[in-house]
Amino acid sequence: MDATLRRLGIPGVVAPVNPEHAAGTWRVYDSADPVTRKDITSDVLAAFVAKFREANPEPPGKPQSGPTRGFIVPPNED
């Protein structure tokens, strides 16, 4: 996820919530310092969705066919 954010130009540092427990929950922060960092996960997710909606807008009136899980990150075409 960290590499994908960099590729898309979205700032943030992906890190575990508890630096002592890397197998636990991870979030996106504004800096790597566990003492001073601020959780910006919701802002980053919104920016991530906005990037893909710009590139792939849904046709008007197209209903969603059910629950969707996960996400697909297209390859870098640069």
N, C-alpha and C. Protein backbone atom coordinates (compact mmCIF):
# COMPACT_ATOMS: atom_id res chain seq x y z
N MET A 1 0.82 -1.19 0.00
CA MET A 1 0.00 0.00 0.00
C MET A 1 0.87 1.25 0.00
N ASP A 2 1.95 1.22 0.74
CA ASP A 2 2.85 2.36 0.80
C ASP A 2 3.37 2.73 -0.59
N ALA A 3 3.80 1.73 -1.36
CA ALA A 3 4.31 1.98 -2.71
C ALA A 3 3.21 2.51 -3.62
N THR A 4 2.01 2.01 -3.47
CA THR A 4 0.89 2.47 -4.29
C THR A 4 0.57 3.92 -3.98
N LEU A 5 0.57 4.31 -2.73
CA LEU A 5 0.33 5.71 -2.38
C LEU A 5 1.38 6.61 -2.99
N ARG A 6 2.65 6.20 -2.91
CA ARG A 6 3.73 7.01 -3.51
C ARG A 6 3.53 7.14 -5.01
N ARG A 7 3.18 6.03 -5.66
CA ARG A 7 2.99 6.05 -7.12
C ARG A 7 1.86 6.98 -7.52
N LEU A 8 0.82 7.06 -6.69
CA LEU A 8 -0.32 7.92 -6.99
C LEU A 8 -0.12 9.35 -6.51
N GLY A 9 0.99 9.62 -5.83
CA GLY A 9 1.26 10.96 -5.33
C GLY A 9 0.44 11.33 -4.11
N ILE A 10 -0.01 10.33 -3.36
CA ILE A 10 -0.79 10.58 -2.16
C ILE A 10 0.15 10.46 -0.96
N PRO A 11 0.30 11.53 -0.17
CA PRO A 11 1.22 11.48 0.95
C PRO A 11 0.70 10.60 2.08
N GLY A 12 1.61 9.98 2.80
CA GLY A 12 1.25 9.16 3.95
C GLY A 12 2.29 8.08 4.19
N VAL A 13 2.34 7.63 5.43
CA VAL A 13 3.26 6.57 5.84
C VAL A 13 2.40 5.43 6.37
N VAL A 14 2.52 4.26 5.77
CA VAL A 14 1.76 3.09 6.20
C VAL A 14 2.57 2.41 7.30
N ALA A 15 1.93 2.21 8.47
CA ALA A 15 2.64 1.63 9.61
C ALA A 15 1.65 0.93 10.54
N PRO A 16 2.16 -0.01 11.33
CA PRO A 16 1.28 -0.67 12.29
C PRO A 16 0.85 0.30 13.38
N VAL A 17 -0.36 0.12 13.87
CA VAL A 17 -0.87 0.96 14.96
C VAL A 17 0.05 0.83 16.17
N ASN A 18 0.42 -0.40 16.48
CA ASN A 18 1.35 -0.66 17.57
C ASN A 18 2.68 -1.08 16.95
N PRO A 19 3.69 -0.23 17.00
CA PRO A 19 4.97 -0.56 16.38
C PRO A 19 5.60 -1.85 16.91
N GLU A 20 5.20 -2.27 18.10
CA GLU A 20 5.74 -3.51 18.69
C GLU A 20 4.99 -4.75 18.19
N HIS A 21 3.89 -4.55 17.46
CA HIS A 21 3.07 -5.68 17.01
C HIS A 21 2.75 -5.51 15.52
N ALA A 22 3.72 -5.82 14.68
CA ALA A 22 3.58 -5.62 13.23
C ALA A 22 2.51 -6.49 12.60
N ALA A 23 2.11 -7.56 13.26
CA ALA A 23 1.07 -8.44 12.72
C ALA A 23 -0.34 -7.91 13.00
N GLY A 24 -0.43 -6.81 13.72
CA GLY A 24 -1.73 -6.24 14.08
C GLY A 24 -2.27 -5.30 13.01
N THR A 25 -3.13 -4.40 13.43
CA THR A 25 -3.77 -3.43 12.55
C THR A 25 -2.78 -2.39 12.06
N TRP A 26 -2.91 -2.04 10.79
CA TRP A 26 -2.08 -0.99 10.18
C TRP A 26 -2.97 0.18 9.79
N ARG A 27 -2.41 1.39 9.79
CA ARG A 27 -3.10 2.62 9.40
C ARG A 27 -2.15 3.47 8.56
N VAL A 28 -2.64 4.60 8.09
CA VAL A 28 -1.80 5.54 7.34
C VAL A 28 -1.64 6.78 8.22
N TYR A 29 -0.39 7.23 8.34
CA TYR A 29 -0.06 8.37 9.21
C TYR A 29 0.62 9.47 8.41
N ASP A 30 0.65 10.66 9.01
CA ASP A 30 1.30 11.80 8.35
C ASP A 30 2.82 11.77 8.51
N SER A 31 3.35 10.99 9.46
CA SER A 31 4.79 10.85 9.62
C SER A 31 5.10 9.48 10.21
N ALA A 32 6.35 9.10 10.18
CA ALA A 32 6.75 7.78 10.67
C ALA A 32 6.96 7.75 12.18
N ASP A 33 7.09 8.89 12.83
CA ASP A 33 7.36 8.94 14.27
C ASP A 33 6.14 8.50 15.07
N PRO A 34 6.21 7.35 15.75
CA PRO A 34 5.05 6.86 16.49
C PRO A 34 4.58 7.79 17.61
N VAL A 35 5.45 8.68 18.08
CA VAL A 35 5.07 9.59 19.16
C VAL A 35 4.26 10.78 18.66
N THR A 36 4.64 11.33 17.50
CA THR A 36 4.00 12.56 17.03
C THR A 36 3.08 12.37 15.83
N ARG A 37 3.01 11.17 15.28
CA ARG A 37 2.22 10.95 14.06
C ARG A 37 0.73 11.15 14.29
N LYS A 38 0.05 11.51 13.20
CA LYS A 38 -1.40 11.70 13.21
C LYS A 38 -2.00 10.72 12.21
N ASP A 39 -3.06 10.04 12.62
CA ASP A 39 -3.74 9.07 11.75
C ASP A 39 -4.50 9.83 10.66
N ILE A 40 -4.13 9.57 9.40
CA ILE A 40 -4.79 10.22 8.26
C ILE A 40 -5.41 9.19 7.32
N THR A 41 -5.69 8.00 7.85
CA THR A 41 -6.21 6.90 7.03
C THR A 41 -7.46 7.31 6.26
N SER A 42 -8.43 7.92 6.91
CA SER A 42 -9.68 8.26 6.22
C SER A 42 -9.44 9.27 5.10
N ASP A 43 -8.56 10.24 5.31
CA ASP A 43 -8.24 11.21 4.26
C ASP A 43 -7.56 10.54 3.08
N VAL A 44 -6.65 9.61 3.38
CA VAL A 44 -5.92 8.91 2.32
C VAL A 44 -6.86 8.00 1.53
N LEU A 45 -7.76 7.30 2.21
CA LEU A 45 -8.72 6.46 1.50
C LEU A 45 -9.62 7.30 0.58
N ALA A 46 -10.04 8.46 1.05
CA ALA A 46 -10.86 9.35 0.22
C ALA A 46 -10.07 9.82 -1.01
N ALA A 47 -8.79 10.17 -0.82
CA ALA A 47 -7.95 10.60 -1.94
C ALA A 47 -7.73 9.46 -2.92
N PHE A 48 -7.56 8.25 -2.40
CA PHE A 48 -7.37 7.07 -3.22
C PHE A 48 -8.59 6.82 -4.10
N VAL A 49 -9.77 6.87 -3.51
CA VAL A 49 -11.01 6.66 -4.26
C VAL A 49 -11.19 7.77 -5.30
N ALA A 50 -10.91 9.00 -4.92
CA ALA A 50 -11.06 10.12 -5.85
C ALA A 50 -10.15 9.97 -7.07
N LYS A 51 -8.93 9.48 -6.87
CA LYS A 51 -8.01 9.27 -8.00
C LYS A 51 -8.60 8.30 -9.02
N PHE A 52 -9.21 7.23 -8.54
CA PHE A 52 -9.75 6.23 -9.45
C PHE A 52 -11.11 6.62 -10.02
N ARG A 53 -11.86 7.41 -9.30
CA ARG A 53 -13.13 7.89 -9.86
C ARG A 53 -12.87 8.88 -10.98
N GLU A 54 -11.81 9.67 -10.86
CA GLU A 54 -11.44 10.61 -11.93
C GLU A 54 -11.11 9.84 -13.20
N ALA A 55 -10.36 8.76 -13.04
CA ALA A 55 -9.91 7.98 -14.19
C ALA A 55 -10.97 7.04 -14.72
N ASN A 56 -11.89 6.58 -13.87
CA ASN A 56 -12.88 5.58 -14.25
C ASN A 56 -14.25 5.93 -13.69
N PRO A 57 -14.88 7.01 -14.16
CA PRO A 57 -16.20 7.34 -13.63
C PRO A 57 -17.23 6.27 -13.99
N GLU A 58 -18.14 6.02 -13.07
CA GLU A 58 -19.18 5.03 -13.33
C GLU A 58 -20.21 5.63 -14.28
N PRO A 59 -20.72 4.82 -15.21
CA PRO A 59 -21.77 5.32 -16.08
C PRO A 59 -23.01 5.68 -15.25
N PRO A 60 -23.72 6.74 -15.61
CA PRO A 60 -24.90 7.12 -14.83
C PRO A 60 -25.96 6.02 -14.88
N GLY A 61 -26.59 5.79 -13.74
CA GLY A 61 -27.68 4.82 -13.68
C GLY A 61 -27.26 3.37 -13.61
N LYS A 62 -25.97 3.08 -13.60
CA LYS A 62 -25.53 1.69 -13.54
C LYS A 62 -25.64 1.19 -12.11
N PRO A 63 -26.51 0.23 -11.84
CA PRO A 63 -26.64 -0.25 -10.47
C PRO A 63 -25.47 -1.17 -10.09
N GLN A 64 -25.14 -1.16 -8.82
CA GLN A 64 -24.10 -2.06 -8.33
C GLN A 64 -24.73 -3.44 -8.17
N SER A 65 -24.01 -4.48 -8.53
CA SER A 65 -24.57 -5.82 -8.57
C SER A 65 -24.41 -6.59 -7.26
N GLY A 66 -24.06 -5.96 -6.19
CA GLY A 66 -23.92 -6.65 -4.92
C GLY A 66 -22.70 -6.17 -4.18
N PRO A 67 -22.39 -6.82 -3.07
CA PRO A 67 -21.25 -6.37 -2.28
C PRO A 67 -19.93 -6.54 -3.03
N THR A 68 -19.03 -5.62 -2.79
CA THR A 68 -17.70 -5.67 -3.40
C THR A 68 -16.69 -5.68 -2.27
N ARG A 69 -15.71 -6.55 -2.38
CA ARG A 69 -14.67 -6.64 -1.35
C ARG A 69 -13.31 -6.43 -1.97
N GLY A 70 -12.43 -5.79 -1.23
CA GLY A 70 -11.07 -5.57 -1.70
C GLY A 70 -11.00 -4.46 -2.74
N PHE A 71 -9.88 -4.36 -3.39
CA PHE A 71 -9.69 -3.37 -4.44
C PHE A 71 -8.63 -3.87 -5.41
N ILE A 72 -8.66 -3.30 -6.60
CA ILE A 72 -7.68 -3.64 -7.64
C ILE A 72 -6.93 -2.36 -7.97
N VAL A 73 -5.61 -2.42 -7.94
CA VAL A 73 -4.78 -1.29 -8.30
C VAL A 73 -4.23 -1.55 -9.68
N PRO A 74 -4.62 -0.74 -10.68
CA PRO A 74 -4.12 -0.97 -12.02
C PRO A 74 -2.61 -0.76 -12.11
N PRO A 75 -1.96 -1.39 -13.07
CA PRO A 75 -0.50 -1.23 -13.19
C PRO A 75 -0.14 0.18 -13.60
N ASN A 76 1.06 0.58 -13.23
CA ASN A 76 1.56 1.89 -13.60
C ASN A 76 1.87 1.89 -15.09
N GLU A 77 1.25 2.79 -15.84
CA GLU A 77 1.42 2.82 -17.29
C GLU A 77 2.42 3.87 -17.75
N ASP A 78 3.22 4.39 -16.80
CA ASP A 78 4.19 5.43 -17.15
C ASP A 78 5.36 4.85 -17.87
